[in-house]
Protein backbone atom coordinates (compact mmCIF):
# COMPACT_ATOMS: atom_id res chain seq x y z
CA UNK A 1 -7.90 7.47 5.15
CA UNK A 2 -8.75 4.97 2.45
CA UNK A 3 -9.62 1.31 2.80
CA UNK A 4 -9.43 -1.71 0.50
CA UNK A 5 -8.56 -0.25 -2.87
CA UNK A 6 -10.73 2.87 -2.64
CA UNK A 7 -7.59 5.02 -2.75
CA UNK A 8 -6.46 3.92 -6.19
CA UNK A 9 -8.89 5.72 -8.50
CA UNK A 10 -8.72 9.23 -6.98
CA UNK A 11 -4.95 9.07 -6.59
CA UNK A 12 -4.43 7.84 -10.16
CA UNK A 13 -6.92 10.39 -11.51
CA UNK A 14 -4.96 13.17 -9.83
CA UNK A 15 -1.83 11.83 -11.59
CA UNK A 16 -0.05 11.62 -8.25
CA UNK A 17 3.69 11.09 -8.56
CA UNK A 18 5.16 10.67 -5.10
CA UNK A 19 5.40 8.44 -2.10
CA UNK A 20 2.80 5.92 -0.95
CA UNK A 21 3.06 5.38 2.80
CA UNK A 22 1.30 2.78 4.89
CA UNK A 23 1.10 2.85 8.66
CA UNK A 24 -0.21 0.03 10.80
CA UNK A 25 -0.04 -1.08 14.39
CA UNK A 26 -0.19 -4.63 15.59
CA UNK A 27 1.04 -6.78 18.42
CA UNK A 28 4.48 -8.10 17.37
CA UNK A 29 3.89 -11.19 19.49
CA UNK A 30 0.90 -12.08 17.30
CA UNK A 31 2.09 -10.66 13.97
CA UNK A 32 5.85 -10.88 13.33
CA UNK A 33 6.83 -7.43 11.95
CA UNK A 34 9.10 -8.57 9.09
CA UNK A 35 6.50 -11.05 7.85
CA UNK A 36 3.79 -8.41 7.80
CA UNK A 37 5.99 -5.71 6.29
CA UNK A 38 6.67 -8.08 3.40
CA UNK A 39 2.99 -8.95 3.02
CA UNK A 40 2.02 -5.27 3.10
CA UNK A 41 4.66 -4.28 0.56
CA UNK A 42 3.63 -7.08 -1.79
CA UNK A 43 -0.03 -6.04 -1.56
CA UNK A 44 0.69 -2.31 -2.00
CA UNK A 45 3.01 -2.97 -4.93
CA UNK A 46 0.38 -5.09 -6.69
CA UNK A 47 -2.48 -2.66 -5.97
CA UNK A 48 -0.46 0.34 -7.15
CA UNK A 49 0.57 -1.53 -10.31
CA UNK A 50 -3.07 -2.40 -11.05
CA UNK A 51 -3.93 1.29 -10.71
CA UNK A 52 -1.33 2.13 -13.33
CA UNK A 53 1.44 3.40 -11.09
CA UNK A 54 5.03 2.62 -11.95
CA UNK A 55 6.91 1.50 -8.86
CA UNK A 56 10.60 2.33 -9.01
């Protein structure tokens, strides 16, 4: 398990070319799922791009 950005360097160094999967649990009454899926995707897309990954 990796936290805040610590995953990028080792994954990029290994020249990984596959799926990035994020799993999270939250109370849908407090955190609307679609809103948080979009936020998570936006963050992951930006972080992966900064690490040099091409998102297709």
